[in-house]
């Protein structure tokens, strides 16, 4: 039994490897896709917009289905859908069928990460969850690595069709590993499925609303959007054209910089993951700090005199942007800590919507601005990229403002609950900038104590004390 959790997690993480590879494969294939399908930047951006939009829309339904039917079935469906999508993408040579293939790929991709996190929650003790989530992210980043320099070589050596056909075939072949019936997870609550209830409309939206109504739910949403959306947009589509067309780097150099983007994320995961696991109080400060670092990076690329920073500085900015992905894992920890087990996947899906909804918006707006400035076409000027990257500044600033707002509200909710003697994921100390002060906390504590004494005096175990608001 000792090695079984790792085997089960490994099989699930392998699906995530394939998902990230498939998701980011258009990053270095973008210019080739534009030439093959005869489309401009806005149309090329629509590929990723549709793919990520389907991913975002599918997050909450996927979380609900994982809660109800289990991770293995969802991962099996994911491999079949992604494999079919990539095979279709390999053979099409016109815009609309290619667009449908990327949308189908987004649907399969959406089923993976939440499912793997559900395996982690069921097969590992709670204290291992942050670490295993980091390991899962590292496996995904390995898929991203393969989608940079190796994929560039395959596309130029083998061509479009064989490369994407191989990607689709690998996904379909991997599905064989998921045909074996699932084994009962040791950390699955025995009444979990009963708690989840039947998949009915009223029940579904009740679970979603309960996850969203928590201040921590919206905090997780904005953490994920602010840290992850814009770096993802850079990595999956606009980074490679910016480096080759805007800054004039050779394709191999640009692919190497995107590889540095991935490896920087790996290194950051190894630092951020254990840190946020051991010290929950630093989670949001880390997310805020990383968001500010990314903001400085975007401003550097846009505002540098002449628009061409030194190569060393470009590499430094690319690596700084790579930290956004690992920092976004804070949102998933919030979903895990503040929700009952039967709602974790639904809450995780809600958090995941934030980052990918922001990425969809960013991809679309950047493509529109590029075509607006340059009047369409297959290539774009550095000036167009500088205008378009202003989208990243706006999205990051707006996300930071909402993140800080919901951080204060979440702190207030935790402080009040702790004062009433209720169970909280971890205790925090009040600060000067909090929405509640020590006097309010003392009033809540006194009211809760009166309620407890009244219950004892009445001797009625069915009587429920009031919960102050």
Protein backbone atom coordinates (compact mmCIF):
# COMPACT_ATOMS: atom_id res chain seq x y z
CA UNK A 1 0.00 0.00 0.00
CA UNK A 2 2.99 2.29 0.57
CA UNK A 3 3.75 2.79 -3.12
CA UNK A 4 0.20 2.62 -4.47
CA UNK A 5 -0.65 6.30 -3.86
CA UNK A 6 2.43 7.33 -5.82
CA UNK A 7 1.57 5.01 -8.71
CA UNK A 8 -1.98 6.35 -8.89
CA UNK A 9 -0.79 9.94 -8.65
CA UNK A 10 1.89 9.24 -11.29
CA UNK A 11 -0.65 7.96 -13.79
CA UNK A 12 -2.83 11.01 -13.20
CA UNK A 13 0.13 13.38 -13.40
CA UNK A 14 1.06 11.80 -16.74
CA UNK A 15 -2.28 12.96 -18.13
CA UNK A 16 -1.50 16.45 -16.87
CA UNK A 17 1.89 16.28 -18.64
CA UNK A 18 0.10 15.56 -21.91
CA UNK A 19 -2.49 18.27 -21.22
CA UNK A 20 0.09 21.01 -20.67
CA UNK A 21 2.09 19.91 -23.70
CA UNK A 22 -1.03 20.00 -25.86
CA UNK A 23 -2.19 23.31 -24.36
CA UNK A 24 1.11 25.10 -25.02
CA UNK A 25 1.97 23.44 -28.34
CA UNK A 26 0.69 26.44 -30.29
CA UNK A 27 3.23 28.68 -28.53
CA UNK A 28 6.08 27.84 -30.93
CA UNK A 29 3.74 26.67 -33.72
CA UNK A 30 1.86 29.98 -33.92
CA UNK A 31 3.73 31.51 -36.88
CA UNK A 32 3.58 28.20 -38.77
CA UNK A 33 -0.16 27.97 -38.04
CA UNK A 34 -0.70 31.51 -39.35
CA UNK A 35 1.12 30.60 -42.58
CA UNK A 36 -0.61 27.21 -42.97
CA UNK A 37 -4.11 28.57 -42.37
CA UNK A 38 -3.55 32.04 -43.92
CA UNK A 39 -4.74 34.02 -40.90
CA UNK A 40 -3.65 37.16 -39.06
CA UNK A 41 -2.95 37.86 -35.39
CA UNK A 42 -6.58 38.30 -34.35
CA UNK A 43 -7.62 35.03 -36.01
CA UNK A 44 -4.59 33.25 -34.56
CA UNK A 45 -5.46 34.61 -31.14
CA UNK A 46 -8.95 33.22 -31.56
CA UNK A 47 -7.47 29.70 -31.45
CA UNK A 48 -6.18 30.25 -27.95
CA UNK A 49 -9.20 32.34 -26.95
CA UNK A 50 -11.54 29.48 -27.83
CA UNK A 51 -9.28 26.85 -26.28
CA UNK A 52 -8.91 28.71 -23.00
CA UNK A 53 -12.53 29.88 -23.00
CA UNK A 54 -13.72 26.28 -23.24
CA UNK A 55 -11.22 25.40 -20.51
CA UNK A 56 -12.55 28.16 -18.25
CA UNK A 57 -16.23 27.40 -18.90
CA UNK A 58 -15.63 23.71 -18.21
CA UNK A 59 -13.97 24.24 -14.83
CA UNK A 60 -17.07 24.29 -12.63
CA UNK A 61 -18.85 21.46 -14.51
CA UNK A 62 -15.64 19.43 -14.33
CA UNK A 63 -15.33 20.01 -10.59
CA UNK A 64 -18.91 18.89 -10.08
CA UNK A 65 -18.43 15.78 -12.25
CA UNK A 66 -15.19 14.87 -10.48
CA UNK A 67 -16.94 15.23 -7.13
CA UNK A 68 -19.67 12.92 -8.36
CA UNK A 69 -18.06 10.36 -10.69
CA UNK A 70 -14.42 10.29 -9.64
CA UNK A 71 -11.08 11.34 -11.06
CA UNK A 72 -10.27 8.18 -13.06
CA UNK A 73 -13.29 8.46 -15.34
CA UNK A 74 -12.61 12.14 -15.97
CA UNK A 75 -8.94 11.53 -16.76
CA UNK A 76 -9.89 8.74 -19.15
CA UNK A 77 -12.29 11.08 -20.93
CA UNK A 78 -9.58 13.76 -21.02
CA UNK A 79 -7.03 11.56 -22.80
CA UNK A 80 -9.57 10.44 -25.40
CA UNK A 81 -10.80 13.95 -26.11
CA UNK A 82 -7.30 15.50 -26.29
CA UNK A 83 -6.01 12.72 -28.54
CA UNK A 84 -8.92 13.12 -30.93
CA UNK A 85 -8.46 16.90 -31.00
CA UNK A 86 -4.75 16.73 -31.84
CA UNK A 87 -5.31 14.15 -34.60
CA UNK A 88 -7.91 16.46 -36.10
CA UNK A 89 -5.55 19.43 -35.79
CA UNK A 90 -2.87 17.44 -37.62
CA UNK A 91 -4.92 16.93 -40.78
CA UNK A 92 -6.96 20.13 -41.17
CA UNK A 93 -5.74 22.90 -43.45
CA UNK A 94 -8.54 25.44 -43.08
CA UNK A 95 -9.47 27.83 -40.31
CA UNK A 96 -12.87 26.66 -39.04
CA UNK A 97 -12.01 22.93 -38.60
CA UNK A 98 -8.76 23.93 -36.89
CA UNK A 99 -10.73 26.20 -34.58
CA UNK A 100 -13.07 23.34 -33.67
CA UNK A 101 -10.07 21.11 -32.94
CA UNK A 102 -8.60 23.63 -30.49
CA UNK A 103 -11.96 24.02 -28.76
CA UNK A 104 -12.15 20.24 -28.37
CA UNK A 105 -8.61 20.27 -26.98
CA UNK A 106 -9.63 22.85 -24.39
CA UNK A 107 -12.47 20.60 -23.28
CA UNK A 108 -10.12 17.67 -22.69
CA UNK A 109 -7.53 19.87 -21.02
CA UNK A 110 -10.15 21.20 -18.60
CA UNK A 111 -10.70 17.74 -17.13
CA UNK A 112 -7.11 17.11 -16.04
CA UNK A 113 -5.75 19.33 -13.27
CA UNK A 114 -8.81 19.25 -11.03
CA UNK A 115 -8.93 15.46 -11.40
CA UNK A 116 -5.29 15.05 -10.41
CA UNK A 117 -5.76 17.30 -7.38
CA UNK A 118 -8.72 15.16 -6.41
CA UNK A 119 -6.47 12.08 -6.54
CA UNK A 120 -4.04 13.91 -4.26
CA UNK A 121 -6.81 14.74 -1.78
CA UNK A 122 -7.99 11.14 -1.73
CA UNK A 123 -4.66 9.30 -1.64
CA UNK A 124 -2.42 11.51 0.50
CA UNK A 125 -2.92 13.03 3.97
CA UNK A 126 -3.86 16.70 4.12
CA UNK A 127 -0.37 17.78 5.15
CA UNK A 128 0.98 16.40 1.86
CA UNK A 129 -1.51 18.26 -0.33
CA UNK A 130 0.57 21.42 -1.01
CA UNK A 131 3.71 19.40 -1.76
CA UNK A 132 1.91 16.99 -4.10
CA UNK A 133 0.25 19.93 -5.83
CA UNK A 134 3.74 21.34 -6.47
CA UNK A 135 4.94 17.98 -7.82
CA UNK A 136 1.92 17.91 -10.13
CA UNK A 137 2.79 21.37 -11.38
CA UNK A 138 6.37 20.27 -12.03
CA UNK A 139 5.15 17.37 -14.16
CA UNK A 140 3.01 19.80 -16.12
CA UNK A 141 6.00 22.08 -16.60
CA UNK A 142 7.91 19.14 -18.03
CA UNK A 143 5.20 18.97 -20.68
CA UNK A 144 5.74 22.67 -21.28
CA UNK A 145 9.48 22.04 -21.70
CA UNK A 146 8.78 19.50 -24.44
CA UNK A 147 6.52 22.08 -26.11
CA UNK A 148 9.42 24.54 -26.55
CA UNK A 149 12.78 23.54 -28.09
CA UNK A 150 11.93 19.85 -28.79
CA UNK A 151 8.61 20.72 -30.44
CA UNK A 152 10.29 23.44 -32.50
CA UNK A 153 12.75 20.87 -33.83
CA UNK A 154 9.99 18.37 -34.57
CA UNK A 155 7.91 20.93 -36.46
CA UNK A 156 10.85 22.00 -38.63
CA UNK A 157 12.12 18.44 -39.10
CA UNK A 158 8.95 16.37 -39.47
CA UNK A 159 6.39 18.96 -40.46
CA UNK A 160 2.97 19.93 -39.14
CA UNK A 161 0.98 16.74 -39.74
CA UNK A 162 3.32 14.09 -38.29
CA UNK A 163 4.13 16.22 -35.23
CA UNK A 164 0.54 16.78 -34.15
CA UNK A 165 -0.47 13.25 -35.16
CA UNK A 166 2.19 11.91 -32.79
CA UNK A 167 0.85 14.13 -30.00
CA UNK A 168 -2.67 12.84 -30.57
CA UNK A 169 -1.57 9.22 -30.79
CA UNK A 170 0.32 9.43 -27.50
CA UNK A 171 -2.76 10.75 -25.70
CA UNK A 172 -4.96 7.98 -27.09
CA UNK A 173 -2.40 5.31 -26.21
CA UNK A 174 -2.07 6.64 -22.66
CA UNK A 175 -5.78 6.13 -22.07
CA UNK A 176 -5.13 2.38 -21.75
CA UNK A 177 -3.56 3.01 -18.32
CA UNK A 178 -6.86 4.45 -17.09
CA UNK A 179 -9.12 1.54 -18.06
CA UNK A 180 -8.51 -0.37 -14.82
CA UNK A 181 -11.36 0.17 -12.30
CA UNK A 182 -10.55 2.61 -9.53
CA UNK A 183 -9.46 1.49 -6.06
CA UNK A 184 -11.11 3.05 -3.01
CA UNK A 185 -9.04 6.00 -1.79
CA UNK A 186 -7.97 5.79 1.87
CA UNK A 187 -8.63 9.47 2.62
CA UNK A 188 -12.02 9.60 0.93
CA UNK A 189 -14.78 10.35 3.39
CA UNK A 190 -17.19 7.43 3.54
CA UNK A 191 -20.21 9.70 3.29
CA UNK A 192 -18.62 11.91 0.67
CA UNK A 193 -20.71 10.81 -2.29
CA UNK A 194 -23.86 10.99 -0.25
CA UNK A 195 -22.90 14.49 0.84
CA UNK A 196 -22.38 15.48 -2.75
CA UNK A 197 -25.90 14.38 -3.61
CA UNK A 198 -27.29 13.67 -7.04
CA UNK A 199 -26.15 15.82 -9.92
CA UNK A 200 -29.25 18.00 -10.16
CA UNK A 201 -29.49 21.63 -11.18
CA UNK A 202 -30.52 23.03 -7.80
CA UNK A 203 -27.86 21.05 -5.94
CA UNK A 204 -25.16 21.97 -8.45
CA UNK A 205 -25.76 25.69 -8.21
CA UNK A 206 -26.10 25.50 -4.45
CA UNK A 207 -22.59 24.04 -4.23
CA UNK A 208 -21.21 26.64 -6.62
CA UNK A 209 -22.85 29.50 -4.73
CA UNK A 210 -21.61 28.18 -1.39
CA UNK A 211 -18.05 28.07 -2.72
CA UNK A 212 -18.36 31.55 -4.27
CA UNK A 213 -20.02 33.18 -1.27
CA UNK A 214 -17.00 32.51 0.90
CA UNK A 215 -14.64 35.50 0.83
CA UNK A 216 -11.82 32.99 0.41
CA UNK A 217 -13.52 31.73 -2.76
CA UNK A 218 -13.33 35.11 -4.44
CA UNK A 219 -9.86 35.68 -3.02
CA UNK A 220 -8.68 32.45 -4.66
CA UNK A 221 -10.32 33.52 -7.93
CA UNK A 222 -8.46 36.84 -8.01
CA UNK A 223 -5.17 35.34 -6.83
CA UNK A 224 -5.27 32.92 -9.74
CA UNK A 225 -6.24 35.58 -12.27
CA UNK A 226 -3.65 38.12 -11.15
CA UNK A 227 -0.66 35.79 -10.92
CA UNK A 228 -1.37 33.41 -13.78
CA UNK A 229 -3.42 35.02 -16.58
CA UNK A 230 -0.89 37.31 -18.27
CA UNK A 231 2.19 35.06 -17.96
CA UNK A 232 0.12 32.23 -19.44
CA UNK A 233 -0.88 34.46 -22.36
CA UNK A 234 2.80 35.20 -22.98
CA UNK A 235 3.80 31.54 -22.77
CA UNK A 236 1.04 29.91 -24.82
CA UNK A 237 0.86 32.36 -27.74
CA UNK A 238 2.28 35.88 -27.83
CA UNK A 239 5.73 35.35 -26.31
CA UNK A 240 7.27 33.60 -29.33
CA UNK A 241 6.01 36.09 -31.96
CA UNK A 242 7.09 38.99 -29.73
CA UNK A 243 10.60 37.59 -29.41
CA UNK A 244 11.00 36.67 -33.10
CA UNK A 245 9.00 39.34 -34.94
CA UNK A 246 9.14 42.18 -32.42
CA UNK A 247 12.65 41.87 -31.02
CA UNK A 248 14.13 40.02 -34.02
CA UNK A 249 15.59 37.00 -32.24
CA UNK A 250 16.23 33.80 -34.19
CA UNK A 251 13.62 31.04 -33.72
CA UNK A 252 16.09 28.90 -31.78
CA UNK A 253 16.93 31.80 -29.46
CA UNK A 254 13.26 32.56 -28.87
CA UNK A 255 12.54 28.89 -28.15
CA UNK A 256 15.44 28.91 -25.70
CA UNK A 257 13.95 31.91 -23.91
CA UNK A 258 10.61 30.15 -23.62
CA UNK A 259 12.49 27.16 -22.24
CA UNK A 260 13.97 29.53 -19.63
CA UNK A 261 10.38 30.60 -18.90
CA UNK A 262 9.46 27.00 -18.16
CA UNK A 263 12.60 26.19 -16.16
CA UNK A 264 12.16 29.38 -14.15
CA UNK A 265 8.70 28.15 -13.23
CA UNK A 266 10.14 24.81 -12.16
CA UNK A 267 12.70 26.48 -9.90
CA UNK A 268 10.07 28.81 -8.45
CA UNK A 269 7.77 25.87 -7.72
CA UNK A 270 10.48 24.17 -5.69
CA UNK A 271 10.75 27.29 -3.51
CA UNK A 272 7.16 28.55 -3.37
CA UNK A 273 5.50 25.15 -2.89
CA UNK A 274 7.22 24.13 0.36
CA UNK A 275 7.07 27.71 1.66
CA UNK A 276 3.30 28.11 1.31
CA UNK A 277 2.82 24.59 2.65
CA UNK A 278 4.75 25.27 5.86
CA UNK A 279 3.70 28.89 6.40
CA UNK A 280 0.10 29.61 5.36
CA UNK A 281 0.29 33.23 6.55
CA UNK A 282 2.76 34.11 3.77
CA UNK A 283 0.61 32.77 0.92
CA UNK A 284 -1.13 36.00 -0.04
CA UNK A 285 1.95 38.20 0.51
CA UNK A 286 3.82 35.93 -1.90
CA UNK A 287 1.01 36.19 -4.47
CA UNK A 288 0.97 39.99 -4.16
CA UNK A 289 4.77 40.22 -4.43
CA UNK A 290 4.88 38.03 -7.53
CA UNK A 291 2.08 40.05 -9.14
CA UNK A 292 4.02 43.26 -8.54
CA UNK A 293 7.17 41.65 -9.97
CA UNK A 294 5.28 40.67 -13.12
CA UNK A 295 3.85 44.18 -13.37
CA UNK A 296 7.37 45.64 -13.28
CA UNK A 297 8.37 43.16 -15.98
CA UNK A 298 5.56 44.21 -18.33
CA UNK A 299 6.32 47.89 -17.81
CA UNK A 300 10.00 47.22 -18.55
CA UNK A 301 9.24 45.56 -21.90
CA UNK A 302 6.83 48.33 -22.88
CA UNK A 303 8.59 51.45 -21.62
CA UNK A 304 12.25 50.64 -22.28
CA UNK A 305 13.70 53.40 -24.51
CA UNK A 306 13.40 52.23 -28.11
CA UNK A 307 11.48 49.16 -26.97
CA UNK A 308 14.52 46.86 -27.18
CA UNK A 309 15.88 45.99 -23.73
CA UNK A 310 19.27 44.24 -23.57
CA UNK A 311 19.04 40.49 -24.08
CA UNK A 312 20.05 39.78 -20.49
CA UNK A 313 17.22 41.98 -19.25
CA UNK A 314 14.71 40.30 -21.57
CA UNK A 315 15.74 36.92 -20.18
CA UNK A 316 15.41 38.27 -16.63
CA UNK A 317 11.89 39.54 -17.36
CA UNK A 318 10.90 36.23 -18.94
CA UNK A 319 12.11 34.35 -15.85
CA UNK A 320 10.31 36.82 -13.57
CA UNK A 321 7.07 36.20 -15.47
CA UNK A 322 7.54 32.46 -15.04
CA UNK A 323 7.04 32.79 -11.28
CA UNK A 324 3.39 33.70 -11.80
CA UNK A 325 2.32 30.12 -12.49
CA UNK A 326 3.75 28.63 -9.27
CA UNK A 327 2.35 31.54 -7.23
CA UNK A 328 -1.13 30.88 -8.62
CA UNK A 329 -1.21 27.59 -6.68
CA UNK A 330 -2.08 29.68 -3.61
CA UNK A 331 -5.61 29.92 -4.99
CA UNK A 332 -5.99 26.13 -4.94
CA UNK A 333 -4.80 25.96 -1.35
CA UNK A 334 -7.52 28.44 -0.40
CA UNK A 335 -10.10 26.21 -2.10
CA UNK A 336 -8.79 23.19 -0.21
CA UNK A 337 -8.61 24.86 3.20
CA UNK A 338 -11.99 26.62 3.30
CA UNK A 339 -14.32 24.00 1.79
CA UNK A 340 -15.59 20.58 2.92
CA UNK A 341 -14.03 17.65 1.08
CA UNK A 342 -17.07 16.97 -1.10
CA UNK A 343 -16.89 20.54 -2.46
CA UNK A 344 -13.13 20.81 -3.01
CA UNK A 345 -13.19 20.04 -6.74
CA UNK A 346 -16.04 22.49 -7.35
CA UNK A 347 -14.20 25.22 -5.43
CA UNK A 348 -10.95 24.39 -7.25
CA UNK A 349 -12.73 24.74 -10.57
CA UNK A 350 -14.06 28.12 -9.51
CA UNK A 351 -10.53 29.28 -8.69
CA UNK A 352 -9.22 27.94 -12.00
CA UNK A 353 -11.82 29.95 -13.88
CA UNK A 354 -10.12 33.14 -12.69
CA UNK A 355 -6.75 32.57 -14.32
CA UNK A 356 -8.07 31.20 -17.57
CA UNK A 357 -10.83 33.78 -17.94
CA UNK A 358 -8.15 36.44 -17.56
CA UNK A 359 -5.98 34.63 -20.11
CA UNK A 360 -8.86 34.46 -22.60
CA UNK A 361 -9.47 38.19 -22.27
CA UNK A 362 -5.75 38.99 -22.59
CA UNK A 363 -5.17 36.78 -25.65
CA UNK A 364 -8.15 38.29 -27.44
CA UNK A 365 -7.32 41.93 -26.68
CA UNK A 366 -3.63 41.55 -27.59
CA UNK A 367 -4.56 40.03 -30.96
CA UNK A 368 -7.07 42.77 -31.69
CA UNK A 369 -4.59 45.54 -30.84
CA UNK A 370 -1.83 43.94 -32.95
CA UNK A 371 -4.08 43.86 -36.00
CA UNK A 372 -5.40 47.35 -35.28
CA UNK A 373 -1.92 48.88 -35.11
CA UNK A 374 -0.42 46.99 -38.07
CA UNK A 375 -3.56 46.57 -40.16
CA UNK A 376 -3.55 42.76 -40.14
CA UNK A 377 -0.98 40.45 -41.71
CA UNK A 378 1.21 37.57 -40.66
CA UNK A 379 3.94 39.62 -38.95
CA UNK A 380 3.82 42.50 -36.50
CA UNK A 381 6.07 45.37 -35.53
CA UNK A 382 7.69 46.01 -32.19
CA UNK A 383 5.54 49.13 -31.80
CA UNK A 384 2.40 47.02 -32.15
CA UNK A 385 3.58 44.61 -29.47
CA UNK A 386 4.37 47.48 -27.11
CA UNK A 387 0.85 48.86 -27.48
CA UNK A 388 -0.71 45.41 -27.18
CA UNK A 389 1.24 44.48 -24.05
CA UNK A 390 -0.43 47.38 -22.29
CA UNK A 391 -3.29 44.91 -21.85
CA UNK A 392 -1.11 42.95 -19.43
CA UNK A 393 -0.51 46.04 -17.30
CA UNK A 394 -4.22 46.83 -17.08
CA UNK A 395 -5.25 43.24 -16.27
CA UNK A 396 -2.55 42.89 -13.60
CA UNK A 397 -3.41 46.20 -11.91
CA UNK A 398 -7.14 45.49 -11.84
CA UNK A 399 -6.51 41.98 -10.54
CA UNK A 400 -4.25 43.29 -7.78
CA UNK A 401 -6.89 45.75 -6.62
CA UNK A 402 -9.53 43.01 -6.36
CA UNK A 403 -7.06 40.62 -4.73
CA UNK A 404 -6.23 43.13 -2.01
CA UNK A 405 -9.93 43.87 -1.44
CA UNK A 406 -10.85 40.22 -0.91
CA UNK A 407 -7.74 39.54 1.14
CA UNK A 408 -8.94 42.09 3.71
CA UNK A 409 -12.46 40.61 3.68
CA UNK A 410 -11.14 37.06 4.09
CA UNK A 411 -8.95 38.14 7.00
CA UNK A 412 -11.97 39.79 8.63
CA UNK A 413 -14.05 36.62 8.23
CA UNK A 414 -11.29 34.44 9.72
CA UNK A 415 -10.67 36.80 12.64
CA UNK A 416 -14.38 36.95 13.52
CA UNK A 417 -14.80 33.18 13.24
CA UNK A 418 -11.75 32.62 15.42
CA UNK A 419 -13.06 35.09 18.02
CA UNK A 420 -16.34 33.14 18.17
CA UNK A 421 -14.41 29.94 18.81
CA UNK A 422 -15.28 28.44 15.43
CA UNK A 423 -12.92 26.19 13.52
CA UNK A 424 -10.62 28.02 11.10
CA UNK A 425 -7.88 26.61 8.83
CA UNK A 426 -5.25 28.52 10.81
CA UNK A 427 -5.21 31.42 13.25
CA UNK A 428 -3.99 34.87 12.27
CA UNK A 429 -3.17 37.98 14.26
CA UNK A 430 -5.11 41.23 13.70
CA UNK A 431 -3.28 44.04 11.91
CA UNK A 432 -3.87 47.77 11.77
CA UNK A 433 -5.29 47.66 8.23
CA UNK A 434 -7.89 44.97 8.94
CA UNK A 435 -11.62 45.61 8.53
CA UNK A 436 -12.21 44.51 12.13
CA UNK A 437 -10.47 45.80 15.24
CA UNK A 438 -9.80 44.23 18.62
CA UNK A 439 -12.92 45.79 20.13
CA UNK A 440 -15.16 44.13 17.52
CA UNK A 441 -13.39 40.81 18.07
CA UNK A 442 -13.91 41.10 21.84
CA UNK A 443 -17.64 41.74 21.31
CA UNK A 444 -17.92 38.67 19.06
CA UNK A 445 -16.05 36.51 21.57
CA UNK A 446 -18.27 37.69 24.45
CA UNK A 447 -21.46 37.05 22.44
CA UNK A 448 -20.30 33.56 21.51
CA UNK A 449 -19.48 32.80 25.14
CA UNK A 450 -22.97 33.94 26.23
CA UNK A 451 -24.50 31.67 23.60
CA UNK A 452 -22.49 28.69 24.82
CA UNK A 453 -23.50 29.28 28.42
CA UNK A 454 -27.13 29.64 27.42
CA UNK A 455 -26.98 26.29 25.61
CA UNK A 456 -25.50 24.65 28.71
CA UNK A 457 -28.18 26.20 30.93
CA UNK A 458 -31.01 25.13 28.63
CA UNK A 459 -29.59 21.62 28.26
CA UNK A 460 -31.06 21.36 24.76
CA UNK A 461 -28.57 19.81 22.34
CA UNK A 462 -30.83 20.65 19.39
CA UNK A 463 -30.87 24.36 20.09
CA UNK A 464 -28.47 26.26 17.82
CA UNK A 465 -27.00 29.59 19.02
CA UNK A 466 -27.13 32.63 16.83
CA UNK A 467 -24.18 33.42 14.58
CA UNK A 468 -23.41 37.16 14.73
CA UNK A 469 -22.86 38.86 11.39
